[in-house]
Amino acid sequence: MILICWTPAASVMKEGTVPSQTRGERVCLIITAAKVEEEEEEEEVEEEEEVEEEEEEEEVEEEEEVERKKRKRRKRRVKIHRVKIHREKIHRVKIHRVKIHRVKIHREKIHREKIHRVKIHREKIH
């Protein structure tokens, strides 16, 4: 699984402030290895109970509907193993460590990615 995600360089955190030449630029993170873990969660939908008197047949139908709404939902998490950094228009900046906060996946493909923190340190300017 290969993920290419773009994050604004303003979200790239450095000790101190973000260098001015990186502000507004974009960093391309190429994630070359990711592991998908599946967890099952029970999702319960609570309904308001009606106080009206009803026939037995209707009560049986309502119980079946409530059971259908108590679904088991699969929760998928992505563990990132390896990250390559591709710098675009960022000069004299080296990416030091990348921490991915949350990655939402949809249909075995990564649908939306949110970068939590990218820690960088600057190279020496000669």
N, C-alpha and C. Protein backbone atom coordinates (compact mmCIF):
# COMPACT_ATOMS: atom_id res chain seq x y z
N MET A 1 0.85 -1.18 0.00
CA MET A 1 0.00 0.00 0.00
C MET A 1 0.89 1.23 0.00
N ILE A 2 0.69 2.09 -0.96
CA ILE A 2 1.47 3.33 -1.05
C ILE A 2 0.52 4.49 -0.91
N LEU A 3 0.84 5.38 0.00
CA LEU A 3 0.02 6.56 0.24
C LEU A 3 0.86 7.79 -0.02
N ILE A 4 0.33 8.67 -0.83
CA ILE A 4 0.98 9.96 -1.04
C ILE A 4 0.04 11.00 -0.46
N CYS A 5 0.47 11.67 0.59
CA CYS A 5 -0.39 12.66 1.19
C CYS A 5 0.33 14.00 1.27
N TRP A 6 -0.41 15.03 1.03
CA TRP A 6 0.13 16.38 1.02
C TRP A 6 -0.32 17.09 2.28
N THR A 7 0.58 17.79 2.91
CA THR A 7 0.23 18.57 4.08
C THR A 7 0.83 19.96 3.94
N PRO A 8 0.12 20.99 4.33
CA PRO A 8 0.69 22.33 4.25
C PRO A 8 1.90 22.43 5.17
N ALA A 9 2.90 23.15 4.72
CA ALA A 9 4.11 23.26 5.52
C ALA A 9 3.88 24.06 6.79
N ALA A 10 2.78 24.79 6.86
CA ALA A 10 2.46 25.49 8.10
C ALA A 10 2.17 24.51 9.22
N SER A 11 1.75 23.29 8.88
CA SER A 11 1.51 22.29 9.91
C SER A 11 2.78 21.51 10.23
N VAL A 12 3.86 21.82 9.52
CA VAL A 12 5.14 21.21 9.82
C VAL A 12 5.73 21.97 10.99
N MET A 13 5.90 21.27 12.11
CA MET A 13 6.31 21.95 13.33
C MET A 13 7.81 21.86 13.52
N LYS A 14 8.37 22.95 13.96
CA LYS A 14 9.79 23.04 14.24
C LYS A 14 9.91 23.60 15.65
N GLU A 15 11.01 23.32 16.30
CA GLU A 15 11.22 23.94 17.59
C GLU A 15 11.35 25.44 17.36
N GLY A 16 10.44 26.18 17.95
CA GLY A 16 10.36 27.60 17.64
C GLY A 16 9.22 27.83 16.69
N THR A 17 9.50 28.48 15.57
CA THR A 17 8.45 28.77 14.60
C THR A 17 8.76 28.09 13.29
N VAL A 18 7.78 28.06 12.42
CA VAL A 18 7.97 27.50 11.09
C VAL A 18 8.79 28.49 10.27
N PRO A 19 9.82 28.04 9.57
CA PRO A 19 10.61 28.96 8.75
C PRO A 19 9.73 29.68 7.73
N SER A 20 10.03 30.95 7.52
CA SER A 20 9.14 31.77 6.68
C SER A 20 9.09 31.27 5.25
N GLN A 21 10.19 30.69 4.74
CA GLN A 21 10.18 30.26 3.35
C GLN A 21 9.34 29.00 3.16
N THR A 22 9.00 28.31 4.25
CA THR A 22 8.18 27.12 4.10
C THR A 22 6.71 27.41 4.31
N ARG A 23 6.39 28.58 4.80
CA ARG A 23 5.00 28.87 5.12
C ARG A 23 4.20 28.94 3.82
N GLY A 24 3.11 28.22 3.76
CA GLY A 24 2.27 28.23 2.57
C GLY A 24 2.68 27.23 1.52
N GLU A 25 3.84 26.60 1.67
CA GLU A 25 4.24 25.58 0.72
C GLU A 25 3.65 24.24 1.15
N ARG A 26 3.86 23.23 0.33
CA ARG A 26 3.29 21.93 0.66
C ARG A 26 4.39 20.87 0.68
N VAL A 27 4.26 19.94 1.62
CA VAL A 27 5.21 18.85 1.76
C VAL A 27 4.53 17.58 1.30
N CYS A 28 5.23 16.80 0.52
CA CYS A 28 4.67 15.52 0.07
C CYS A 28 5.28 14.40 0.90
N LEU A 29 4.43 13.67 1.59
CA LEU A 29 4.88 12.52 2.36
C LEU A 29 4.49 11.26 1.60
N ILE A 30 5.47 10.43 1.29
CA ILE A 30 5.19 9.20 0.57
C ILE A 30 5.33 8.05 1.57
N ILE A 31 4.21 7.48 1.93
CA ILE A 31 4.20 6.39 2.90
C ILE A 31 4.23 5.09 2.12
N THR A 32 5.32 4.35 2.27
CA THR A 32 5.53 3.18 1.42
C THR A 32 5.08 1.89 2.07
N ALA A 33 4.88 1.88 3.36
CA ALA A 33 4.45 0.65 4.01
C ALA A 33 3.48 0.99 5.12
N ALA A 34 2.32 0.34 5.08
CA ALA A 34 1.32 0.57 6.12
C ALA A 34 0.62 -0.75 6.40
N LYS A 35 0.24 -0.93 7.63
CA LYS A 35 -0.43 -2.16 8.04
C LYS A 35 -1.85 -1.80 8.46
N VAL A 36 -2.82 -2.57 7.95
CA VAL A 36 -4.22 -2.32 8.26
C VAL A 36 -4.66 -3.30 9.33
N GLU A 37 -5.17 -2.77 10.42
CA GLU A 37 -5.70 -3.61 11.49
C GLU A 37 -7.20 -3.41 11.57
N GLU A 38 -7.92 -4.51 11.75
CA GLU A 38 -9.37 -4.42 11.84
C GLU A 38 -9.82 -4.76 13.25
N GLU A 39 -10.71 -3.95 13.76
CA GLU A 39 -11.32 -4.20 15.06
C GLU A 39 -12.82 -4.14 14.88
N GLU A 40 -13.52 -5.01 15.59
CA GLU A 40 -14.97 -5.00 15.50
C GLU A 40 -15.55 -4.30 16.72
N GLU A 41 -16.46 -3.39 16.45
CA GLU A 41 -17.13 -2.67 17.52
C GLU A 41 -18.62 -2.84 17.34
N GLU A 42 -19.31 -2.95 18.44
CA GLU A 42 -20.76 -3.01 18.36
C GLU A 42 -21.31 -1.61 18.49
N GLU A 43 -22.10 -1.24 17.51
CA GLU A 43 -22.68 0.09 17.49
C GLU A 43 -24.16 -0.05 17.80
N GLU A 44 -24.57 0.55 18.87
CA GLU A 44 -25.96 0.42 19.29
C GLU A 44 -26.69 1.73 19.04
N VAL A 45 -27.84 1.62 18.46
CA VAL A 45 -28.68 2.78 18.22
C VAL A 45 -29.85 2.70 19.18
N GLU A 46 -29.93 3.68 20.04
CA GLU A 46 -31.01 3.68 21.01
C GLU A 46 -32.21 4.40 20.43
N GLU A 47 -33.38 3.82 20.65
CA GLU A 47 -34.61 4.42 20.17
C GLU A 47 -35.47 4.80 21.36
N GLU A 48 -36.29 5.80 21.16
CA GLU A 48 -37.22 6.18 22.21
C GLU A 48 -38.34 5.15 22.27
N GLU A 49 -38.68 4.78 23.47
CA GLU A 49 -39.74 3.79 23.62
C GLU A 49 -41.09 4.49 23.56
N GLU A 50 -41.97 3.89 22.78
CA GLU A 50 -43.31 4.46 22.66
C GLU A 50 -44.19 3.88 23.76
N VAL A 51 -45.02 4.72 24.34
CA VAL A 51 -45.83 4.30 25.47
C VAL A 51 -47.20 3.81 25.01
N GLU A 52 -47.44 3.87 23.72
CA GLU A 52 -48.75 3.49 23.21
C GLU A 52 -48.96 1.98 23.30
N GLU A 53 -50.22 1.58 23.46
CA GLU A 53 -50.53 0.15 23.48
C GLU A 53 -50.61 -0.34 22.04
N GLU A 54 -49.97 -1.48 21.78
CA GLU A 54 -49.94 -2.01 20.43
C GLU A 54 -50.24 -3.50 20.46
N GLU A 55 -50.52 -4.04 19.29
CA GLU A 55 -50.78 -5.47 19.21
C GLU A 55 -49.46 -6.24 19.25
N GLU A 56 -49.54 -7.53 19.55
CA GLU A 56 -48.33 -8.34 19.69
C GLU A 56 -47.56 -8.44 18.39
N GLU A 57 -48.24 -8.52 17.26
CA GLU A 57 -47.56 -8.64 15.97
C GLU A 57 -46.69 -7.42 15.70
N GLU A 58 -47.21 -6.24 15.98
CA GLU A 58 -46.43 -5.03 15.74
C GLU A 58 -45.22 -4.97 16.66
N GLU A 59 -45.36 -5.45 17.90
CA GLU A 59 -44.23 -5.44 18.82
C GLU A 59 -43.11 -6.35 18.33
N VAL A 60 -43.46 -7.49 17.75
CA VAL A 60 -42.44 -8.40 17.22
C VAL A 60 -41.70 -7.74 16.07
N GLU A 61 -42.42 -7.04 15.19
CA GLU A 61 -41.77 -6.36 14.07
C GLU A 61 -40.82 -5.27 14.57
N GLU A 62 -41.21 -4.54 15.60
CA GLU A 62 -40.34 -3.48 16.13
C GLU A 62 -39.07 -4.06 16.74
N GLU A 63 -39.19 -5.20 17.43
CA GLU A 63 -38.00 -5.81 18.01
C GLU A 63 -37.01 -6.23 16.93
N GLU A 64 -37.51 -6.72 15.80
CA GLU A 64 -36.61 -7.09 14.70
C GLU A 64 -35.90 -5.87 14.14
N GLU A 65 -36.61 -4.74 14.03
CA GLU A 65 -35.98 -3.53 13.52
C GLU A 65 -34.88 -3.03 14.45
N VAL A 66 -35.12 -3.12 15.76
CA VAL A 66 -34.10 -2.69 16.73
C VAL A 66 -32.86 -3.57 16.62
N GLU A 67 -33.06 -4.89 16.42
CA GLU A 67 -31.92 -5.79 16.28
C GLU A 67 -31.13 -5.47 15.02
N ARG A 68 -31.80 -5.08 13.95
CA ARG A 68 -31.09 -4.71 12.73
C ARG A 68 -30.23 -3.47 12.94
N LYS A 69 -30.71 -2.56 13.75
CA LYS A 69 -29.98 -1.31 13.96
C LYS A 69 -28.80 -1.47 14.90
N LYS A 70 -28.74 -2.57 15.66
CA LYS A 70 -27.56 -2.87 16.47
C LYS A 70 -26.58 -3.59 15.57
N ARG A 71 -25.76 -2.83 14.89
CA ARG A 71 -24.86 -3.40 13.90
C ARG A 71 -23.46 -3.56 14.48
N LYS A 72 -22.74 -4.48 13.89
CA LYS A 72 -21.32 -4.58 14.20
C LYS A 72 -20.58 -3.79 13.13
N ARG A 73 -19.82 -2.82 13.60
CA ARG A 73 -19.08 -1.98 12.66
C ARG A 73 -17.60 -2.30 12.77
N ARG A 74 -16.96 -2.44 11.64
CA ARG A 74 -15.53 -2.70 11.64
C ARG A 74 -14.78 -1.37 11.69
N LYS A 75 -13.84 -1.31 12.61
CA LYS A 75 -13.04 -0.11 12.75
C LYS A 75 -11.64 -0.44 12.26
N ARG A 76 -11.15 0.33 11.32
CA ARG A 76 -9.85 0.04 10.74
C ARG A 76 -8.85 1.10 11.17
N ARG A 77 -7.69 0.64 11.54
CA ARG A 77 -6.61 1.55 11.88
C ARG A 77 -5.43 1.23 10.99
N VAL A 78 -4.68 2.26 10.66
CA VAL A 78 -3.52 2.08 9.80
C VAL A 78 -2.28 2.37 10.63
N LYS A 79 -1.38 1.41 10.70
CA LYS A 79 -0.11 1.64 11.35
C LYS A 79 0.93 1.92 10.27
N ILE A 80 1.63 3.00 10.45
CA ILE A 80 2.61 3.42 9.46
C ILE A 80 3.96 2.81 9.82
N HIS A 81 4.57 2.10 8.87
CA HIS A 81 5.87 1.50 9.12
C HIS A 81 7.00 2.37 8.59
N ARG A 82 6.86 2.86 7.40
CA ARG A 82 7.98 3.52 6.75
C ARG A 82 7.46 4.74 6.00
N VAL A 83 8.18 5.83 6.10
CA VAL A 83 7.77 7.07 5.44
C VAL A 83 8.95 7.64 4.68
N LYS A 84 8.72 7.97 3.43
CA LYS A 84 9.71 8.71 2.65
C LYS A 84 9.23 10.15 2.54
N ILE A 85 10.15 11.06 2.55
CA ILE A 85 9.80 12.47 2.47
C ILE A 85 10.25 13.01 1.12
N HIS A 86 9.35 13.66 0.44
CA HIS A 86 9.68 14.33 -0.80
C HIS A 86 9.48 15.82 -0.57
N ARG A 87 10.55 16.59 -0.72
CA ARG A 87 10.45 18.02 -0.44
C ARG A 87 10.15 18.75 -1.74
N GLU A 88 9.23 19.66 -1.68
CA GLU A 88 8.92 20.46 -2.85
C GLU A 88 8.95 21.92 -2.45
N LYS A 89 9.85 22.67 -3.04
CA LYS A 89 10.01 24.11 -2.82
C LYS A 89 10.35 24.45 -1.37
N ILE A 90 10.96 23.53 -0.67
CA ILE A 90 11.40 23.85 0.68
C ILE A 90 12.92 23.71 0.70
N HIS A 91 13.61 24.81 0.89
CA HIS A 91 15.06 24.82 0.82
C HIS A 91 15.66 24.84 2.21
N ARG A 92 16.76 24.15 2.37
CA ARG A 92 17.52 24.11 3.62
C ARG A 92 16.68 23.58 4.79
N VAL A 93 15.76 22.70 4.50
CA VAL A 93 14.95 22.12 5.57
C VAL A 93 15.03 20.60 5.45
N LYS A 94 15.30 19.95 6.55
CA LYS A 94 15.37 18.49 6.54
C LYS A 94 14.28 17.95 7.46
N ILE A 95 13.54 16.98 6.97
CA ILE A 95 12.50 16.38 7.79
C ILE A 95 13.17 15.40 8.75
N HIS A 96 12.89 15.57 10.03
CA HIS A 96 13.56 14.75 11.04
C HIS A 96 12.69 13.56 11.45
N ARG A 97 11.47 13.83 11.82
CA ARG A 97 10.61 12.74 12.28
C ARG A 97 9.18 13.03 11.85
N VAL A 98 8.47 11.99 11.47
CA VAL A 98 7.10 12.14 11.02
C VAL A 98 6.22 11.31 11.95
N LYS A 99 5.20 11.93 12.48
CA LYS A 99 4.24 11.21 13.30
C LYS A 99 2.87 11.39 12.68
N ILE A 100 2.25 10.28 12.28
CA ILE A 100 0.94 10.33 11.66
C ILE A 100 -0.09 10.16 12.76
N HIS A 101 -1.01 11.10 12.85
CA HIS A 101 -1.99 11.06 13.93
C HIS A 101 -3.17 10.16 13.59
N ARG A 102 -3.80 10.41 12.47
CA ARG A 102 -4.99 9.63 12.13
C ARG A 102 -5.08 9.48 10.62
N VAL A 103 -5.38 8.28 10.18
CA VAL A 103 -5.58 8.02 8.76
C VAL A 103 -6.90 7.28 8.63
N LYS A 104 -7.82 7.86 7.88
CA LYS A 104 -9.12 7.23 7.68
C LYS A 104 -9.09 6.52 6.33
N ILE A 105 -9.45 5.25 6.32
CA ILE A 105 -9.44 4.52 5.06
C ILE A 105 -10.85 4.11 4.68
N HIS A 106 -11.07 3.97 3.39
CA HIS A 106 -12.39 3.66 2.86
C HIS A 106 -12.22 2.68 1.72
N ARG A 107 -12.85 1.53 1.83
CA ARG A 107 -12.83 0.50 0.78
C ARG A 107 -11.40 0.08 0.41
N GLU A 108 -10.63 -0.26 1.43
CA GLU A 108 -9.25 -0.73 1.27
C GLU A 108 -8.32 0.33 0.68
N LYS A 109 -8.83 1.52 0.43
CA LYS A 109 -7.96 2.59 -0.05
C LYS A 109 -8.01 3.72 0.96
N ILE A 110 -6.99 4.49 0.98
CA ILE A 110 -6.94 5.57 1.96
C ILE A 110 -7.69 6.75 1.39
N HIS A 111 -8.74 7.14 2.11
CA HIS A 111 -9.69 8.11 1.60
C HIS A 111 -9.35 9.53 2.05
N ARG A 112 -9.01 9.66 3.32
CA ARG A 112 -8.68 10.98 3.82
C ARG A 112 -7.57 10.83 4.84
N GLU A 113 -6.60 11.69 4.79
CA GLU A 113 -5.51 11.59 5.73
C GLU A 113 -5.35 12.90 6.49
N LYS A 114 -5.03 12.78 7.73
CA LYS A 114 -4.81 13.95 8.57
C LYS A 114 -3.44 13.81 9.20
N ILE A 115 -2.59 14.77 8.93
CA ILE A 115 -1.24 14.73 9.48
C ILE A 115 -1.26 15.49 10.80
N HIS A 116 -0.85 14.81 11.86
CA HIS A 116 -0.90 15.43 13.18
C HIS A 116 0.34 16.27 13.45
N ARG A 117 1.50 15.69 13.25
CA ARG A 117 2.71 16.43 13.55
C ARG A 117 3.85 15.96 12.67
N VAL A 118 4.58 16.90 12.13
CA VAL A 118 5.80 16.61 11.38
C VAL A 118 6.89 17.46 12.02
N LYS A 119 7.86 16.82 12.60
CA LYS A 119 8.92 17.55 13.29
C LYS A 119 10.11 17.68 12.36
N ILE A 120 10.65 18.87 12.22
CA ILE A 120 11.77 19.10 11.30
C ILE A 120 12.87 19.84 12.03
N HIS A 121 14.09 19.75 11.49
CA HIS A 121 15.13 20.67 11.92
C HIS A 121 15.84 21.17 10.67
N ARG A 122 16.35 22.37 10.75
CA ARG A 122 16.93 23.01 9.57
C ARG A 122 18.37 22.57 9.38
N GLU A 123 18.76 22.51 8.12
CA GLU A 123 20.16 22.23 7.81
C GLU A 123 20.95 23.52 7.99
N LYS A 124 22.24 23.38 8.16
CA LYS A 124 23.06 24.57 8.35
C LYS A 124 23.15 25.35 7.05
N ILE A 125 23.05 26.66 7.16
CA ILE A 125 23.14 27.52 5.98
C ILE A 125 24.59 28.01 5.89
N HIS A 126 25.22 27.70 4.77
CA HIS A 126 26.64 28.06 4.62
C HIS A 126 26.77 29.46 4.07
